[in-house]
Amino acid sequence: MATKKIATVSDVGTLRQELYLLNMKKISGELKETHKLKALRKQIARALTLENNPTL
């Protein structure tokens, strides 16, 4: 059986901090790879889904 990783509030907070920093870098022109933003948003959504629906 595969074990599922359950996201914690601190994980989501850390991911949101990273997203904020990447957004600031994008605005200032330092970040050229915008695919990192999409990937991080996807990670946050996945973590929140696991947190709110533990049966998935």
N, C-alpha and C. Protein backbone atom coordinates (compact mmCIF):
# COMPACT_ATOMS: atom_id res chain seq x y z
N MET A 1 0.83 -1.18 0.00
CA MET A 1 0.00 0.00 0.00
C MET A 1 0.87 1.24 0.00
N ALA A 2 0.45 2.20 -0.75
CA ALA A 2 1.18 3.46 -0.81
C ALA A 2 0.69 4.39 0.29
N THR A 3 1.61 5.04 0.92
CA THR A 3 1.22 6.01 1.94
C THR A 3 1.11 7.38 1.31
N LYS A 4 0.12 8.11 1.73
CA LYS A 4 -0.10 9.45 1.18
C LYS A 4 0.46 10.48 2.13
N LYS A 5 1.10 11.47 1.58
CA LYS A 5 1.66 12.55 2.39
C LYS A 5 0.54 13.52 2.73
N ILE A 6 0.38 13.80 3.98
CA ILE A 6 -0.64 14.76 4.41
C ILE A 6 0.04 16.11 4.60
N ALA A 7 -0.51 17.12 3.95
CA ALA A 7 0.06 18.46 4.02
C ALA A 7 -0.28 19.09 5.37
N THR A 8 0.66 19.81 5.92
CA THR A 8 0.40 20.51 7.16
C THR A 8 0.28 22.00 6.86
N VAL A 9 -0.21 22.72 7.84
CA VAL A 9 -0.39 24.16 7.67
C VAL A 9 0.95 24.85 7.43
N SER A 10 2.01 24.36 8.08
CA SER A 10 3.32 24.98 7.89
C SER A 10 3.83 24.75 6.47
N ASP A 11 3.50 23.58 5.88
CA ASP A 11 3.89 23.32 4.50
C ASP A 11 3.25 24.33 3.55
N VAL A 12 1.96 24.56 3.75
CA VAL A 12 1.24 25.49 2.89
C VAL A 12 1.78 26.91 3.09
N GLY A 13 2.07 27.26 4.33
CA GLY A 13 2.62 28.59 4.62
C GLY A 13 3.97 28.79 3.95
N THR A 14 4.80 27.77 4.00
CA THR A 14 6.12 27.84 3.35
C THR A 14 5.98 27.98 1.85
N LEU A 15 5.07 27.21 1.26
CA LEU A 15 4.84 27.29 -0.18
C LEU A 15 4.33 28.66 -0.58
N ARG A 16 3.46 29.23 0.23
CA ARG A 16 2.93 30.57 -0.06
C ARG A 16 4.01 31.64 0.04
N GLN A 17 4.93 31.47 0.98
CA GLN A 17 6.06 32.40 1.09
C GLN A 17 6.92 32.33 -0.17
N GLU A 18 7.19 31.11 -0.63
CA GLU A 18 7.98 30.94 -1.85
C GLU A 18 7.28 31.57 -3.04
N LEU A 19 5.95 31.39 -3.12
CA LEU A 19 5.18 31.96 -4.22
C LEU A 19 5.25 33.48 -4.18
N TYR A 20 5.15 34.06 -2.99
CA TYR A 20 5.24 35.51 -2.84
C TYR A 20 6.59 36.02 -3.32
N LEU A 21 7.66 35.33 -2.91
CA LEU A 21 9.01 35.76 -3.31
C LEU A 21 9.20 35.65 -4.82
N LEU A 22 8.70 34.57 -5.41
CA LEU A 22 8.81 34.41 -6.86
C LEU A 22 8.01 35.49 -7.60
N ASN A 23 6.83 35.82 -7.06
CA ASN A 23 6.04 36.89 -7.68
C ASN A 23 6.77 38.23 -7.62
N MET A 24 7.42 38.50 -6.51
CA MET A 24 8.17 39.75 -6.40
C MET A 24 9.35 39.77 -7.37
N LYS A 25 10.01 38.62 -7.53
CA LYS A 25 11.12 38.54 -8.49
C LYS A 25 10.61 38.74 -9.91
N LYS A 26 9.43 38.20 -10.21
CA LYS A 26 8.86 38.34 -11.55
C LYS A 26 8.52 39.81 -11.83
N ILE A 27 7.95 40.47 -10.85
CA ILE A 27 7.57 41.87 -11.01
C ILE A 27 8.81 42.74 -11.22
N SER A 28 9.88 42.44 -10.47
CA SER A 28 11.10 43.24 -10.59
C SER A 28 11.92 42.88 -11.82
N GLY A 29 11.55 41.81 -12.51
CA GLY A 29 12.26 41.43 -13.73
C GLY A 29 13.38 40.44 -13.53
N GLU A 30 13.57 39.95 -12.30
CA GLU A 30 14.65 39.01 -12.02
C GLU A 30 14.31 37.59 -12.44
N LEU A 31 13.02 37.27 -12.51
CA LEU A 31 12.60 35.91 -12.81
C LEU A 31 12.12 35.82 -14.25
N LYS A 32 12.75 34.98 -15.01
CA LYS A 32 12.37 34.79 -16.41
C LYS A 32 11.56 33.52 -16.61
N GLU A 33 11.77 32.51 -15.74
CA GLU A 33 11.08 31.23 -15.88
C GLU A 33 9.76 31.26 -15.13
N THR A 34 8.69 31.64 -15.83
CA THR A 34 7.39 31.75 -15.17
C THR A 34 6.76 30.38 -14.92
N HIS A 35 7.34 29.32 -15.49
CA HIS A 35 6.79 27.98 -15.24
C HIS A 35 6.95 27.58 -13.77
N LYS A 36 7.90 28.21 -13.08
CA LYS A 36 8.09 27.93 -11.66
C LYS A 36 6.88 28.41 -10.86
N LEU A 37 6.29 29.53 -11.27
CA LEU A 37 5.11 30.05 -10.59
C LEU A 37 3.94 29.07 -10.72
N LYS A 38 3.73 28.59 -11.94
CA LYS A 38 2.63 27.66 -12.17
C LYS A 38 2.82 26.38 -11.36
N ALA A 39 4.03 25.87 -11.32
CA ALA A 39 4.31 24.65 -10.58
C ALA A 39 4.08 24.84 -9.08
N LEU A 40 4.45 25.99 -8.57
CA LEU A 40 4.27 26.27 -7.14
C LEU A 40 2.80 26.44 -6.81
N ARG A 41 2.04 27.09 -7.68
CA ARG A 41 0.59 27.21 -7.47
C ARG A 41 -0.06 25.83 -7.46
N LYS A 42 0.40 24.97 -8.32
CA LYS A 42 -0.13 23.61 -8.39
C LYS A 42 0.18 22.85 -7.10
N GLN A 43 1.39 23.03 -6.57
CA GLN A 43 1.77 22.38 -5.31
C GLN A 43 0.89 22.85 -4.16
N ILE A 44 0.61 24.16 -4.11
CA ILE A 44 -0.24 24.71 -3.05
C ILE A 44 -1.64 24.13 -3.16
N ALA A 45 -2.18 24.08 -4.36
CA ALA A 45 -3.52 23.52 -4.56
C ALA A 45 -3.57 22.06 -4.14
N ARG A 46 -2.53 21.30 -4.49
CA ARG A 46 -2.48 19.89 -4.13
C ARG A 46 -2.41 19.73 -2.61
N ALA A 47 -1.61 20.56 -1.95
CA ALA A 47 -1.47 20.48 -0.50
C ALA A 47 -2.78 20.83 0.19
N LEU A 48 -3.47 21.86 -0.29
CA LEU A 48 -4.74 22.24 0.31
C LEU A 48 -5.81 21.18 0.08
N THR A 49 -5.78 20.56 -1.08
CA THR A 49 -6.74 19.49 -1.37
C THR A 49 -6.53 18.32 -0.42
N LEU A 50 -5.28 17.93 -0.22
CA LEU A 50 -4.99 16.84 0.70
C LEU A 50 -5.36 17.19 2.14
N GLU A 51 -5.17 18.45 2.49
CA GLU A 51 -5.47 18.90 3.85
C GLU A 51 -6.98 18.89 4.10
N ASN A 52 -7.76 19.29 3.10
CA ASN A 52 -9.20 19.41 3.28
C ASN A 52 -9.96 18.13 2.96
N ASN A 53 -9.38 17.24 2.17
CA ASN A 53 -10.00 15.97 1.82
C ASN A 53 -9.03 14.83 2.09
N PRO A 54 -8.91 14.39 3.31
CA PRO A 54 -7.91 13.36 3.63
C PRO A 54 -8.23 12.00 3.01
N THR A 55 -9.42 11.82 2.46
CA THR A 55 -9.78 10.53 1.87
C THR A 55 -9.24 10.37 0.46
N LEU A 56 -8.74 11.45 -0.15
CA LEU A 56 -8.22 11.35 -1.52
C LEU A 56 -6.91 10.64 -1.58
